[in-house]
Amino acid sequence: MSMPTREYVGFIWIEDQPGVRLRIVAESLDEARSRVVEEYGDGHLISIWNEEDASSTR
């Protein structure tokens, strides 16, 4: 049984280019990050998060 999907947002910086805004639907942060690496390749600076997690009280 798969987990529910959530929306993750963030940025990726490739070399000296301006950051590219990301929006990915995935089951987990790890899956979202893996999908970004799959699409853009490895070795880039990636910042990605889920808005609900970011705004929740810790």
PDB file of N, CA and C in Angstrom:
ATOM      1  N   MET A   1       0.846  -1.181   0.000  1.00  0.00           N
ATOM      2  CA  MET A   1       0.000   0.000   0.000  1.00  0.00           C
ATOM      3  C   MET A   1       0.890   1.242   0.000  1.00  0.00           C
ATOM      4  N   SER A   2       0.630   2.144  -0.907  1.00  0.00           N
ATOM      5  CA  SER A   2       1.479   3.323  -1.005  1.00  0.00           C
ATOM      6  C   SER A   2       0.997   4.420  -0.055  1.00  0.00           C
ATOM      7  N   MET A   3       1.926   5.291   0.274  1.00  0.00           N
ATOM      8  CA  MET A   3       1.627   6.417   1.153  1.00  0.00           C
ATOM      9  C   MET A   3       0.917   7.503   0.340  1.00  0.00           C
ATOM     10  N   PRO A   4       0.168   8.380   1.014  1.00  0.00           N
ATOM     11  CA  PRO A   4      -0.440   9.496   0.273  1.00  0.00           C
ATOM     12  C   PRO A   4       0.642  10.430  -0.256  1.00  0.00           C
ATOM     13  N   THR A   5       0.372  11.033  -1.390  1.00  0.00           N
ATOM     14  CA  THR A   5       1.351  11.968  -1.951  1.00  0.00           C
ATOM     15  C   THR A   5       1.159  13.347  -1.350  1.00  0.00           C
ATOM     16  N   ARG A   6       2.259  14.105  -1.340  1.00  0.00           N
ATOM     17  CA  ARG A   6       2.263  15.464  -0.817  1.00  0.00           C
ATOM     18  C   ARG A   6       3.028  16.337  -1.805  1.00  0.00           C
ATOM     19  N   GLU A   7       2.767  17.622  -1.747  1.00  0.00           N
ATOM     20  CA  GLU A   7       3.472  18.539  -2.626  1.00  0.00           C
ATOM     21  C   GLU A   7       4.730  19.064  -1.925  1.00  0.00           C
ATOM     22  N   TYR A   8       5.836  19.018  -2.624  1.00  0.00           N
ATOM     23  CA  TYR A   8       7.111  19.552  -2.148  1.00  0.00           C
ATOM     24  C   TYR A   8       7.509  20.687  -3.078  1.00  0.00           C
ATOM     25  N   VAL A   9       8.076  21.721  -2.503  1.00  0.00           N
ATOM     26  CA  VAL A   9       8.529  22.873  -3.274  1.00  0.00           C
ATOM     27  C   VAL A   9       9.988  23.147  -2.925  1.00  0.00           C
ATOM     28  N   GLY A  10      10.649  23.912  -3.762  1.00  0.00           N
ATOM     29  CA  GLY A  10      12.031  24.253  -3.474  1.00  0.00           C
ATOM     30  C   GLY A  10      12.716  24.882  -4.661  1.00  0.00           C
ATOM     31  N   PHE A  11      14.048  24.820  -4.623  1.00  0.00           N
ATOM     32  CA  PHE A  11      14.879  25.386  -5.669  1.00  0.00           C
ATOM     33  C   PHE A  11      16.042  24.452  -5.959  1.00  0.00           C
ATOM     34  N   ILE A  12      16.552  24.542  -7.182  1.00  0.00           N
ATOM     35  CA  ILE A  12      17.797  23.879  -7.540  1.00  0.00           C
ATOM     36  C   ILE A  12      18.669  24.914  -8.244  1.00  0.00           C
ATOM     37  N   TRP A  13      19.934  24.924  -7.869  1.00  0.00           N
ATOM     38  CA  TRP A  13      20.901  25.831  -8.489  1.00  0.00           C
ATOM     39  C   TRP A  13      21.885  24.982  -9.284  1.00  0.00           C
ATOM     40  N   ILE A  14      21.961  25.235 -10.586  1.00  0.00           N
ATOM     41  CA  ILE A  14      22.837  24.489 -11.482  1.00  0.00           C
ATOM     42  C   ILE A  14      23.933  25.432 -11.943  1.00  0.00           C
ATOM     43  N   GLU A  15      25.157  25.112 -11.512  1.00  0.00           N
ATOM     44  CA  GLU A  15      26.337  25.937 -11.816  1.00  0.00           C
ATOM     45  C   GLU A  15      26.076  27.388 -11.458  1.00  0.00           C
ATOM     46  N   ASP A  16      26.321  28.317 -12.364  1.00  0.00           N
ATOM     47  CA  ASP A  16      26.166  29.740 -12.071  1.00  0.00           C
ATOM     48  C   ASP A  16      24.807  30.290 -12.493  1.00  0.00           C
ATOM     49  N   GLN A  17      23.882  29.417 -12.840  1.00  0.00           N
ATOM     50  CA  GLN A  17      22.561  29.844 -13.301  1.00  0.00           C
ATOM     51  C   GLN A  17      21.695  30.262 -12.114  1.00  0.00           C
ATOM     52  N   PRO A  18      20.710  31.140 -12.358  1.00  0.00           N
ATOM     53  CA  PRO A  18      19.768  31.483 -11.285  1.00  0.00           C
ATOM     54  C   PRO A  18      19.011  30.226 -10.835  1.00  0.00           C
ATOM     55  N   GLY A  19      18.543  30.233  -9.614  1.00  0.00           N
ATOM     56  CA  GLY A  19      17.812  29.087  -9.083  1.00  0.00           C
ATOM     57  C   GLY A  19      16.540  28.811  -9.869  1.00  0.00           C
ATOM     58  N   VAL A  20      16.237  27.543 -10.042  1.00  0.00           N
ATOM     59  CA  VAL A  20      15.015  27.115 -10.712  1.00  0.00           C
ATOM     60  C   VAL A  20      14.038  26.651  -9.630  1.00  0.00           C
ATOM     61  N   ARG A  21      12.834  27.195  -9.646  1.00  0.00           N
ATOM     62  CA  ARG A  21      11.819  26.820  -8.654  1.00  0.00           C
ATOM     63  C   ARG A  21      11.279  25.436  -8.998  1.00  0.00           C
ATOM     64  N   LEU A  22      11.109  24.609  -7.965  1.00  0.00           N
ATOM     65  CA  LEU A  22      10.633  23.241  -8.133  1.00  0.00           C
ATOM     66  C   LEU A  22       9.271  23.060  -7.484  1.00  0.00           C
ATOM     67  N   ARG A  23       8.465  22.185  -8.061  1.00  0.00           N
ATOM     68  CA  ARG A  23       7.197  21.777  -7.473  1.00  0.00           C
ATOM     69  C   ARG A  23       7.031  20.310  -7.849  1.00  0.00           C
ATOM     70  N   ILE A  24       7.086  19.420  -6.840  1.00  0.00           N
ATOM     71  CA  ILE A  24       7.057  17.980  -7.068  1.00  0.00           C
ATOM     72  C   ILE A  24       6.007  17.349  -6.161  1.00  0.00           C
ATOM     73  N   VAL A  25       5.252  16.410  -6.686  1.00  0.00           N
ATOM     74  CA  VAL A  25       4.316  15.627  -5.882  1.00  0.00           C
ATOM     75  C   VAL A  25       4.961  14.268  -5.659  1.00  0.00           C
ATOM     76  N   ALA A  26       5.139  13.902  -4.389  1.00  0.00           N
ATOM     77  CA  ALA A  26       5.824  12.653  -4.045  1.00  0.00           C
ATOM     78  C   ALA A  26       5.295  12.132  -2.717  1.00  0.00           C
ATOM     79  N   GLU A  27       5.649  10.885  -2.412  1.00  0.00           N
ATOM     80  CA  GLU A  27       5.216  10.271  -1.162  1.00  0.00           C
ATOM     81  C   GLU A  27       6.076  10.678   0.030  1.00  0.00           C
ATOM     82  N   SER A  28       7.330  11.114  -0.240  1.00  0.00           N
ATOM     83  CA  SER A  28       8.239  11.477   0.851  1.00  0.00           C
ATOM     84  C   SER A  28       9.265  12.488   0.348  1.00  0.00           C
ATOM     85  N   LEU A  29       9.954  13.105   1.291  1.00  0.00           N
ATOM     86  CA  LEU A  29      11.019  14.033   0.941  1.00  0.00           C
ATOM     87  C   LEU A  29      12.125  13.322   0.165  1.00  0.00           C
ATOM     88  N   ASP A  30      12.466  12.104   0.592  1.00  0.00           N
ATOM     89  CA  ASP A  30      13.497  11.335  -0.111  1.00  0.00           C
ATOM     90  C   ASP A  30      13.101  11.066  -1.555  1.00  0.00           C
ATOM     91  N   GLU A  31      11.845  10.700  -1.775  1.00  0.00           N
ATOM     92  CA  GLU A  31      11.384  10.456  -3.149  1.00  0.00           C
ATOM     93  C   GLU A  31      11.421  11.739  -3.966  1.00  0.00           C
ATOM     94  N   ALA A  32      10.993  12.853  -3.368  1.00  0.00           N
ATOM     95  CA  ALA A  32      11.009  14.134  -4.074  1.00  0.00           C
ATOM     96  C   ALA A  32      12.431  14.494  -4.485  1.00  0.00           C
ATOM     97  N   ARG A  33      13.379  14.357  -3.559  1.00  0.00           N
ATOM     98  CA  ARG A  33      14.779  14.667  -3.856  1.00  0.00           C
ATOM     99  C   ARG A  33      15.313  13.742  -4.953  1.00  0.00           C
ATOM    100  N   SER A  34      14.984  12.468  -4.877  1.00  0.00           N
ATOM    101  CA  SER A  34      15.434  11.503  -5.890  1.00  0.00           C
ATOM    102  C   SER A  34      14.905  11.865  -7.271  1.00  0.00           C
ATOM    103  N   ARG A  35      13.658  12.312  -7.330  1.00  0.00           N
ATOM    104  CA  ARG A  35      13.072  12.690  -8.617  1.00  0.00           C
ATOM    105  C   ARG A  35      13.741  13.930  -9.195  1.00  0.00           C
ATOM    106  N   VAL A  36      14.128  14.873  -8.330  1.00  0.00           N
ATOM    107  CA  VAL A  36      14.848  16.062  -8.797  1.00  0.00           C
ATOM    108  C   VAL A  36      16.208  15.648  -9.362  1.00  0.00           C
ATOM    109  N   VAL A  37      16.932  14.798  -8.639  1.00  0.00           N
ATOM    110  CA  VAL A  37      18.243  14.326  -9.103  1.00  0.00           C
ATOM    111  C   VAL A  37      18.087  13.559 -10.410  1.00  0.00           C
ATOM    112  N   GLU A  38      17.042  12.762 -10.528  1.00  0.00           N
ATOM    113  CA  GLU A  38      16.780  12.005 -11.751  1.00  0.00           C
ATOM    114  C   GLU A  38      16.578  12.941 -12.941  1.00  0.00           C
ATOM    115  N   GLU A  39      15.871  14.049 -12.721  1.00  0.00           N
ATOM    116  CA  GLU A  39      15.577  14.975 -13.805  1.00  0.00           C
ATOM    117  C   GLU A  39      16.742  15.899 -14.144  1.00  0.00           C
ATOM    118  N   TYR A  40      17.452  16.403 -13.122  1.00  0.00           N
ATOM    119  CA  TYR A  40      18.478  17.418 -13.346  1.00  0.00           C
ATOM    120  C   TYR A  40      19.903  16.897 -13.220  1.00  0.00           C
ATOM    121  N   GLY A  41      20.081  15.692 -12.714  1.00  0.00           N
ATOM    122  CA  GLY A  41      21.414  15.144 -12.508  1.00  0.00           C
ATOM    123  C   GLY A  41      21.907  15.425 -11.094  1.00  0.00           C
ATOM    124  N   ASP A  42      22.972  14.737 -10.731  1.00  0.00           N
ATOM    125  CA  ASP A  42      23.523  14.818  -9.375  1.00  0.00           C
ATOM    126  C   ASP A  42      24.563  15.932  -9.286  1.00  0.00           C
ATOM    127  N   GLY A  43      24.826  16.397  -8.078  1.00  0.00           N
ATOM    128  CA  GLY A  43      25.898  17.361  -7.852  1.00  0.00           C
ATOM    129  C   GLY A  43      25.463  18.808  -7.817  1.00  0.00           C
ATOM    130  N   HIS A  44      24.164  19.075  -7.833  1.00  0.00           N
ATOM    131  CA  HIS A  44      23.659  20.443  -7.781  1.00  0.00           C
ATOM    132  C   HIS A  44      23.155  20.757  -6.376  1.00  0.00           C
ATOM    133  N   LEU A  45      23.121  22.016  -6.042  1.00  0.00           N
ATOM    134  CA  LEU A  45      22.584  22.454  -4.760  1.00  0.00           C
ATOM    135  C   LEU A  45      21.062  22.416  -4.836  1.00  0.00           C
ATOM    136  N   ILE A  46      20.436  21.643  -3.941  1.00  0.00           N
ATOM    137  CA  ILE A  46      18.984  21.472  -3.939  1.00  0.00           C
ATOM    138  C   ILE A  46      18.451  21.835  -2.558  1.00  0.00           C
ATOM    139  N   SER A  47      17.406  22.647  -2.539  1.00  0.00           N
ATOM    140  CA  SER A  47      16.681  22.948  -1.309  1.00  0.00           C
ATOM    141  C   SER A  47      15.225  22.608  -1.581  1.00  0.00           C
ATOM    142  N   ILE A  48      14.675  21.670  -0.811  1.00  0.00           N
ATOM    143  CA  ILE A  48      13.309  21.212  -1.056  1.00  0.00           C
ATOM    144  C   ILE A  48      12.616  20.941   0.275  1.00  0.00           C
ATOM    145  N   TRP A  49      11.319  21.262   0.347  1.00  0.00           N
ATOM    146  CA  TRP A  49      10.583  21.082   1.591  1.00  0.00           C
ATOM    147  C   TRP A  49       9.092  20.954   1.302  1.00  0.00           C
ATOM    148  N   ASN A  50       8.354  20.509   2.300  1.00  0.00           N
ATOM    149  CA  ASN A  50       6.897  20.439   2.246  1.00  0.00           C
ATOM    150  C   ASN A  50       6.375  21.608   3.078  1.00  0.00           C
ATOM    151  N   GLU A  51       5.521  22.431   2.492  1.00  0.00           N
ATOM    152  CA  GLU A  51       5.011  23.628   3.178  1.00  0.00           C
ATOM    153  C   GLU A  51       4.302  23.292   4.488  1.00  0.00           C
ATOM    154  N   GLU A  52       3.545  22.186   4.519  1.00  0.00           N
ATOM    155  CA  GLU A  52       2.834  21.812   5.745  1.00  0.00           C
ATOM    156  C   GLU A  52       3.829  21.495   6.856  1.00  0.00           C
ATOM    157  N   ASP A  53       4.897  20.761   6.530  1.00  0.00           N
ATOM    158  CA  ASP A  53       5.918  20.433   7.523  1.00  0.00           C
ATOM    159  C   ASP A  53       6.647  21.679   7.990  1.00  0.00           C
ATOM    160  N   ALA A  54       6.932  22.579   7.067  1.00  0.00           N
ATOM    161  CA  ALA A  54       7.687  23.779   7.396  1.00  0.00           C
ATOM    162  C   ALA A  54       6.913  24.702   8.326  1.00  0.00           C
ATOM    163  N   SER A  55       5.590  24.687   8.231  1.00  0.00           N
ATOM    164  CA  SER A  55       4.798  25.600   9.071  1.00  0.00           C
ATOM    165  C   SER A  55       4.268  24.945  10.340  1.00  0.00           C
ATOM    166  N   SER A  56       4.522  23.649  10.535  1.00  0.00           N
ATOM    167  CA  SER A  56       4.010  22.987  11.732  1.00  0.00           C
ATOM    168  C   SER A  56       4.868  23.308  12.962  1.00  0.00           C
ATOM    169  N   THR A  57       4.244  23.282  14.114  1.00  0.00           N
ATOM    170  CA  THR A  57       4.936  23.532  15.377  1.00  0.00           C
ATOM    171  C   THR A  57       5.799  22.349  15.728  1.00  0.00           C
ATOM    172  N   ARG A  58       6.992  22.625  16.183  1.00  0.00           N
ATOM    173  CA  ARG A  58       7.920  21.549  16.572  1.00  0.00           C
ATOM    174  C   ARG A  58       7.998  21.459  18.059  1.00  0.00           C
TER     175      ARG A  58
END
